[in-house]
Amino acid sequence: MARPLMDLAALDHIVWCDLELALLKIHSSGPWDTKMISSVPAPAGGDREIVNVFVCDEDDEIFDDPRTYREDMVSRGSYRGHHFGPPARFKVIDGHNLALAHPDPGTIVWSLVVKYVLTVFSLRRGVLHIKGAAVASGGRAHLILGRGGSGKTEMARAMCRQGARLLGNTHLLVDGDSVCGVRSNIRVREGGRDVYLPADRGHGPEADGGWTPIGSVLWVRYRTDGRAVIAPMPPDVAKANLRFFAESVGNWELKEDVADHFGADPLDFGRALSAADALLDALCRRFDVRFAQVDVFSQEGAEALVPLLQADSRDRPFTATGGPGS
C-alpha cells in the first residue's frame, strides 16, 4: 500500500504567526507548545503572502529523498547552528509551502522555519533582516544589537522601564531609514530557567508594532560593575560585527539554505548576498553606531539610558561618555 505524501485532511489544527513580510499558517493534527512564537488570530482577509507549514508524520512520503543541505542535516539531528536534537524531518516544498516532523514542532518552527522564511523573504524584497532588539522613544527607534548573551534583552527592558516602547526582541527588519520589529515571545531567565513571556508583559508600556524611523544603533555588552561607558564605533568596525552577529545569513548560519533557495545558482546567490551587504553598509554609515557597555541595574547605567533614548544620529553628532579602558 502506498504511503501518503502527507495527510492534509488530518492537519486541521491551525496556528497563525505574523512575520510582517508574510504570515505563517501552521497546520498540525493537534495542539503543540507555541511558547517560543507569538501566535495571532486568523486574518480577516487581505492580500498578505502566506507560507504554509505542515506538521507531518516522520514517515510521510514528502520527506523521501532529501535534496537540500538543510533537509539532510535536520534528518541527522542538526537543525541549525548550535540547535541539535533527535533526528527530525524538514522539507522545502516550494517558496510558500514547508513540511516538518518533530516530537516538539515548536523547536523546528522557532529555530529554523521563522528564521528561514524571514531571511529569504527579506532577500527577495530588498529588506535587511537582522537579529536584535529595538525600542521606540520620542518617535524614533533605537536598535539594540550585540553578540549572544551580551545583554540585548536586559537593555531593552531597562529602556522600557524609562518609558520606551518595545518594538521587537529577536527579529528586526530594516527598510531604508525605518525598522519594524517582528513580534515574538521574549525569553528571560527566571529562577535559573528560561521563561517565555508575551511581548507586552513586564516590559513597560505595551509593545508597539509597525515601521518606525531609526534614531540610533547600539552595539551592547553587559557589565556588572555599576559603570556605563559609551563610545562611537567606526562604520567599518560596526559592519564587521553586524555581519557575523546580527545580519541573518551570517548570524544564523543560513548560507546553505539561501543557496538552495536560489537553486544553487551562484549568480543569483551572489547578487542577493551582495544586495544584503550593501544594505548593511548603508545602515552602519547612515546612523552612528555606539558601543554601549552599561550596567543597566546601576544608577549610572540608568542615567546613561536617558540621553541614549533621546538620540537621533541623523540630526546631531554623538559625544562619547567614559573613556578608553573604562
Protein backbone atom coordinates (compact mmCIF):
# COMPACT_ATOMS: atom_id res chain seq x y z
CA MET A 1 0.00 0.00 0.00
CA ALA A 2 1.37 3.40 -0.99
CA ARG A 3 2.33 5.75 1.81
CA PRO A 4 0.66 9.17 1.84
CA LEU A 5 2.62 12.19 0.64
CA MET A 6 1.09 13.81 3.73
CA ASP A 7 -2.36 13.56 5.26
CA LEU A 8 -3.70 17.07 4.71
CA ALA A 9 -7.19 16.19 5.94
CA ALA A 10 -5.80 15.33 9.37
CA LEU A 11 -3.90 18.63 9.69
CA ASP A 12 -6.92 20.66 10.78
CA HIS A 13 -5.39 22.44 13.80
CA ILE A 14 -4.20 25.87 12.62
CA VAL A 15 -1.80 28.31 14.30
CA TRP A 16 -1.06 31.68 12.69
CA CYS A 17 2.16 33.63 13.19
CA ASP A 18 2.71 37.13 11.78
CA LEU A 19 6.23 37.66 10.42
CA GLU A 20 5.39 41.07 8.89
CA LEU A 21 6.73 40.07 5.47
CA ALA A 22 4.48 37.00 5.43
CA LEU A 23 2.01 35.07 7.55
CA LEU A 24 2.89 31.59 8.72
CA LYS A 25 -0.08 29.22 8.63
CA ILE A 26 0.98 26.17 10.64
CA HIS A 27 -1.14 23.05 10.04
CA SER A 28 -1.00 20.18 12.53
CA SER A 29 -3.17 17.31 13.73
CA GLY A 30 -3.46 18.78 17.23
CA PRO A 31 -2.17 21.41 19.67
CA TRP A 32 1.57 21.84 20.24
CA ASP A 33 3.71 24.02 22.51
CA THR A 34 3.77 27.52 20.98
CA LYS A 35 5.67 29.19 23.83
CA MET A 36 8.54 30.31 21.59
CA ILE A 37 6.38 32.10 19.00
CA SER A 38 3.74 34.79 19.22
CA SER A 39 0.59 33.39 17.66
CA VAL A 40 -2.10 35.70 16.27
CA PRO A 41 -5.78 35.32 15.37
CA ALA A 42 -6.68 34.14 11.90
CA PRO A 43 -6.54 37.06 9.43
CA ALA A 44 -9.86 38.52 8.36
CA GLY A 45 -8.80 38.73 4.73
CA GLY A 46 -6.40 40.85 2.72
CA ASP A 47 -3.63 40.03 0.31
CA ARG A 48 -0.81 39.10 2.70
CA GLU A 49 1.51 36.37 1.46
CA ILE A 50 1.02 33.10 3.33
CA VAL A 51 3.62 30.40 3.95
CA ASN A 52 2.05 27.06 4.86
CA VAL A 53 3.91 24.87 7.34
CA PHE A 54 2.66 21.28 7.52
CA VAL A 55 3.48 19.32 10.68
CA CYS A 56 3.54 15.76 9.35
CA ASP A 57 4.43 12.23 10.40
CA GLU A 58 8.10 11.45 10.01
CA ASP A 59 7.43 8.53 7.66
CA ASP A 60 5.28 10.54 5.24
CA GLU A 61 6.46 10.27 1.67
CA ILE A 62 7.01 14.02 1.45
CA PHE A 63 10.31 13.54 3.30
CA ASP A 64 11.71 10.88 0.97
CA ASP A 65 14.86 11.71 -0.96
CA PRO A 66 16.24 14.81 0.83
CA ARG A 67 17.53 17.25 -1.80
CA THR A 68 18.84 20.24 0.15
CA TYR A 69 21.57 20.74 2.71
CA ARG A 70 19.10 21.55 5.49
CA GLU A 71 16.82 18.60 4.78
CA ASP A 72 19.82 16.28 5.14
CA MET A 73 21.17 17.97 8.28
CA VAL A 74 17.81 18.01 10.09
CA SER A 75 17.48 14.28 9.40
CA ARG A 76 20.78 13.88 11.27
CA GLY A 77 19.59 15.93 14.27
CA SER A 78 21.34 19.20 13.37
CA TYR A 79 18.59 21.78 13.00
CA ARG A 80 20.59 24.99 12.53
CA GLY A 81 23.78 26.35 14.01
CA HIS A 82 24.04 25.18 17.63
CA HIS A 83 20.49 23.78 17.68
CA PHE A 84 20.64 19.99 17.91
CA GLY A 85 18.20 17.27 18.92
CA PRO A 86 16.73 13.97 17.82
CA PRO A 87 16.67 13.26 14.08
CA ALA A 88 13.74 15.12 12.53
CA ARG A 89 12.34 15.89 9.09
CA PHE A 90 12.20 19.12 7.11
CA LYS A 91 11.17 19.80 3.52
CA VAL A 92 11.05 22.94 1.42
CA ILE A 93 8.23 22.04 -0.97
CA ASP A 94 8.31 25.42 -2.70
CA GLY A 95 8.57 29.11 -1.79
CA HIS A 96 5.26 29.08 0.10
CA ASN A 97 5.00 25.55 1.47
CA LEU A 98 7.19 23.76 4.03
CA ALA A 99 6.83 20.48 5.88
CA LEU A 100 8.38 19.24 9.11
CA ALA A 101 8.18 16.37 11.55
CA HIS A 102 9.42 16.58 15.14
CA PRO A 103 8.06 15.49 18.56
CA ASP A 104 8.04 19.18 19.55
CA PRO A 105 7.18 21.11 16.36
CA GLY A 106 7.86 24.46 18.05
CA THR A 107 11.55 23.59 18.23
CA ILE A 108 11.83 23.47 14.43
CA VAL A 109 9.39 26.33 13.85
CA TRP A 110 11.39 28.71 16.04
CA SER A 111 14.95 27.55 15.46
CA LEU A 112 14.64 27.14 11.70
CA VAL A 113 11.34 27.95 9.97
CA VAL A 114 10.88 31.51 11.29
CA LYS A 115 14.49 32.45 10.55
CA TYR A 116 14.50 30.81 7.12
CA VAL A 117 11.24 32.42 5.98
CA LEU A 118 12.17 35.88 7.23
CA THR A 119 15.60 35.67 5.61
CA VAL A 120 14.53 34.51 2.16
CA PHE A 121 11.57 36.91 2.06
CA SER A 122 13.76 39.85 3.13
CA LEU A 123 16.34 39.00 0.46
CA ARG A 124 13.61 38.82 -2.18
CA ARG A 125 12.15 42.17 -1.11
CA GLY A 126 15.37 44.08 -0.58
CA VAL A 127 14.90 44.43 3.18
CA LEU A 128 17.65 43.87 5.75
CA HIS A 129 16.85 41.16 8.31
CA ILE A 130 18.92 41.34 11.47
CA LYS A 131 18.96 39.79 14.92
CA GLY A 132 18.46 42.28 17.73
CA ALA A 133 16.06 44.20 19.91
CA ALA A 134 14.57 47.62 19.31
CA VAL A 135 12.67 50.16 21.37
CA ALA A 136 10.95 53.40 20.40
CA SER A 137 11.03 56.72 22.23
CA GLY A 138 10.09 60.17 21.03
CA GLY A 139 9.08 58.87 17.62
CA ARG A 140 12.49 57.28 16.96
CA ALA A 141 13.61 53.66 17.11
CA HIS A 142 16.81 52.59 18.84
CA LEU A 143 18.33 49.32 17.65
CA ILE A 144 20.00 47.18 20.32
CA LEU A 145 22.46 44.73 18.76
CA GLY A 146 25.25 42.51 20.06
CA ARG A 147 26.58 39.01 20.43
CA GLY A 148 24.52 36.28 22.05
CA GLY A 149 24.39 36.81 25.80
CA SER A 150 25.54 40.43 25.53
CA GLY A 151 22.51 41.81 27.35
CA LYS A 152 20.28 42.96 24.48
CA THR A 153 17.08 41.87 26.21
CA GLU A 154 18.06 43.44 29.55
CA MET A 155 18.98 46.69 27.79
CA ALA A 156 15.60 46.74 26.06
CA ARG A 157 13.77 46.02 29.32
CA ALA A 158 15.72 48.75 31.10
CA MET A 159 14.84 51.24 28.37
CA CYS A 160 11.19 50.25 28.63
CA ARG A 161 11.38 51.00 32.37
CA GLN A 162 12.44 54.51 31.30
CA GLY A 163 9.27 54.85 29.22
CA ALA A 164 10.31 53.43 25.85
CA ARG A 165 8.08 51.06 23.88
CA LEU A 166 9.29 47.65 22.80
CA LEU A 167 9.34 47.13 19.03
CA GLY A 168 10.97 43.71 18.85
CA ASN A 169 13.32 41.45 20.75
CA THR A 170 14.79 39.00 18.23
CA HIS A 171 13.96 39.73 14.60
CA LEU A 172 14.25 43.22 13.10
CA LEU A 173 13.54 44.32 9.53
CA VAL A 174 15.29 47.45 8.26
CA ASP A 175 13.99 49.21 5.16
CA GLY A 176 15.87 52.41 4.41
CA ASP A 177 15.61 54.70 7.44
CA SER A 178 12.92 52.67 9.24
CA VAL A 179 12.77 49.49 11.28
CA CYS A 180 9.99 47.06 12.11
CA GLY A 181 10.17 44.51 14.90
CA VAL A 182 8.70 41.06 14.30
CA ARG A 183 6.54 40.22 17.28
CA SER A 184 7.71 37.20 19.25
CA ASN A 185 7.60 35.97 22.81
CA ILE A 186 10.56 37.03 24.91
CA ARG A 187 12.92 34.60 26.60
CA VAL A 188 14.11 35.70 30.04
CA ARG A 189 15.92 33.89 32.84
CA GLU A 190 13.82 33.44 35.97
CA GLY A 191 14.81 31.14 38.80
CA GLY A 192 17.66 29.67 36.76
CA ARG A 193 15.48 28.60 33.84
CA ASP A 194 14.26 30.04 30.56
CA VAL A 195 10.77 31.54 30.65
CA TYR A 196 8.95 32.83 27.57
CA LEU A 197 6.85 35.93 28.14
CA PRO A 198 4.39 37.61 25.77
CA ALA A 199 5.92 40.77 24.35
CA ASP A 200 3.59 43.03 26.35
CA ARG A 201 4.33 41.52 29.78
CA GLY A 202 6.90 43.04 32.08
CA HIS A 203 8.48 45.44 29.60
CA GLY A 204 7.00 48.80 30.47
CA PRO A 205 4.40 50.27 28.09
CA GLU A 206 2.61 47.90 25.76
CA ALA A 207 4.71 46.53 22.94
CA ASP A 208 4.32 48.51 19.76
CA GLY A 209 4.38 47.50 16.12
CA GLY A 210 4.70 48.97 12.66
CA TRP A 211 7.57 50.80 10.97
CA THR A 212 9.43 53.45 12.98
CA PRO A 213 12.17 55.89 11.85
CA ILE A 214 15.59 54.87 13.20
CA GLY A 215 17.22 57.25 15.65
CA SER A 216 20.30 55.30 16.74
CA VAL A 217 22.07 51.95 16.69
CA LEU A 218 23.67 50.45 19.80
CA TRP A 219 26.16 47.60 19.99
CA VAL A 220 25.87 46.45 23.59
CA ARG A 221 27.95 44.49 26.08
CA TYR A 222 26.59 43.83 29.53
CA ARG A 223 28.64 44.82 32.59
CA THR A 224 28.01 44.44 36.30
CA ASP A 225 30.39 46.93 37.92
CA GLY A 226 27.94 49.83 38.13
CA ARG A 227 29.53 51.70 35.21
CA ALA A 228 28.27 52.99 31.89
CA VAL A 229 30.77 53.58 29.07
CA ILE A 230 29.52 54.61 25.63
CA ALA A 231 31.70 55.36 22.61
CA PRO A 232 31.29 55.60 18.82
CA MET A 233 32.11 52.63 16.59
CA PRO A 234 33.62 53.41 13.16
CA PRO A 235 31.29 52.27 10.35
CA ASP A 236 33.69 49.61 9.04
CA VAL A 237 34.20 48.15 12.52
CA ALA A 238 30.46 48.22 13.19
CA LYS A 239 29.75 46.49 9.89
CA ALA A 240 32.24 43.70 10.61
CA ASN A 241 30.48 42.96 13.90
CA LEU A 242 26.99 43.20 12.45
CA ARG A 243 27.85 40.94 9.51
CA PHE A 244 28.62 37.96 11.76
CA PHE A 245 26.47 38.63 14.84
CA ALA A 246 23.40 40.49 13.53
CA GLU A 247 22.80 40.07 9.78
CA SER A 248 20.59 37.00 9.41
CA VAL A 249 22.57 34.88 6.94
CA GLY A 250 25.82 35.24 8.87
CA ASN A 251 24.42 35.14 12.39
CA TRP A 252 22.06 32.19 11.90
CA GLU A 253 24.35 30.28 9.53
CA LEU A 254 21.83 30.22 6.68
CA LYS A 255 24.16 30.47 3.68
CA GLU A 256 23.45 26.90 2.56
CA ASP A 257 19.69 27.46 2.88
CA VAL A 258 19.86 30.67 0.85
CA ALA A 259 21.99 28.99 -1.81
CA ASP A 260 19.44 26.16 -2.09
CA HIS A 261 16.60 28.71 -2.21
CA PHE A 262 18.22 30.22 -5.31
CA GLY A 263 18.60 26.79 -6.89
CA ALA A 264 22.33 26.62 -6.16
CA ASP A 265 22.83 29.33 -8.82
CA PRO A 266 25.98 31.21 -7.73
CA LEU A 267 24.96 34.30 -9.69
CA ASP A 268 21.55 34.70 -8.03
CA PHE A 269 23.02 33.78 -4.64
CA GLY A 270 25.85 36.28 -5.06
CA ARG A 271 23.54 39.09 -6.16
CA ALA A 272 21.21 38.53 -3.20
CA LEU A 273 24.03 38.48 -0.65
CA SER A 274 25.73 41.46 -2.28
CA ALA A 275 22.50 43.44 -2.00
CA ALA A 276 22.16 42.49 1.67
CA ASP A 277 25.76 43.56 2.26
CA ALA A 278 25.03 46.94 0.69
CA LEU A 279 22.02 47.40 2.99
CA LEU A 280 24.18 46.55 5.99
CA ASP A 281 26.83 49.01 4.87
CA ALA A 282 24.20 51.74 4.45
CA LEU A 283 22.86 51.13 7.97
CA CYS A 284 26.33 51.45 9.52
CA ARG A 285 27.15 54.60 7.55
CA ARG A 286 23.75 56.30 7.72
CA PHE A 287 23.50 56.09 11.51
CA ASP A 288 26.09 56.49 14.24
CA VAL A 289 26.69 53.11 15.87
CA ARG A 290 27.67 53.35 19.54
CA PHE A 291 29.38 50.72 21.66
CA ALA A 292 27.38 50.76 24.90
CA GLN A 293 28.86 48.94 27.90
CA VAL A 294 26.24 49.61 30.54
CA ASP A 295 25.29 48.14 33.89
CA VAL A 296 21.57 48.72 33.41
CA PHE A 297 20.79 47.98 37.07
CA SER A 298 23.07 50.71 38.45
CA GLN A 299 22.32 54.39 39.00
CA GLU A 300 24.99 55.41 36.49
CA GLY A 301 23.59 52.94 33.97
CA ALA A 302 20.02 54.16 34.42
CA GLU A 303 21.14 57.77 33.94
CA ALA A 304 23.07 56.84 30.80
CA LEU A 305 19.91 55.45 29.19
CA VAL A 306 18.18 58.84 29.15
CA PRO A 307 20.40 60.53 26.51
CA LEU A 308 20.51 57.26 24.53
CA LEU A 309 16.73 57.34 24.23
CA GLN A 310 16.84 60.98 23.13
CA ALA A 311 19.48 60.45 20.46
CA ASP A 312 18.80 60.96 16.78
CA SER A 313 22.09 60.42 14.98
CA ARG A 314 20.64 61.71 11.73
CA ASP A 315 20.44 65.23 13.14
CA ARG A 316 23.35 65.75 15.54
CA PRO A 317 26.69 64.21 16.48
CA PHE A 318 27.11 61.92 19.46
CA THR A 319 29.64 62.57 22.24
CA ALA A 320 31.20 59.56 23.99
CA THR A 321 30.96 59.07 27.75
CA GLY A 322 33.51 57.34 29.91
CA GLY A 323 36.94 56.78 28.39
CA PRO A 324 39.38 54.28 26.98
CA GLY A 325 39.79 51.27 29.24
CA SER A 326 36.91 52.34 31.48
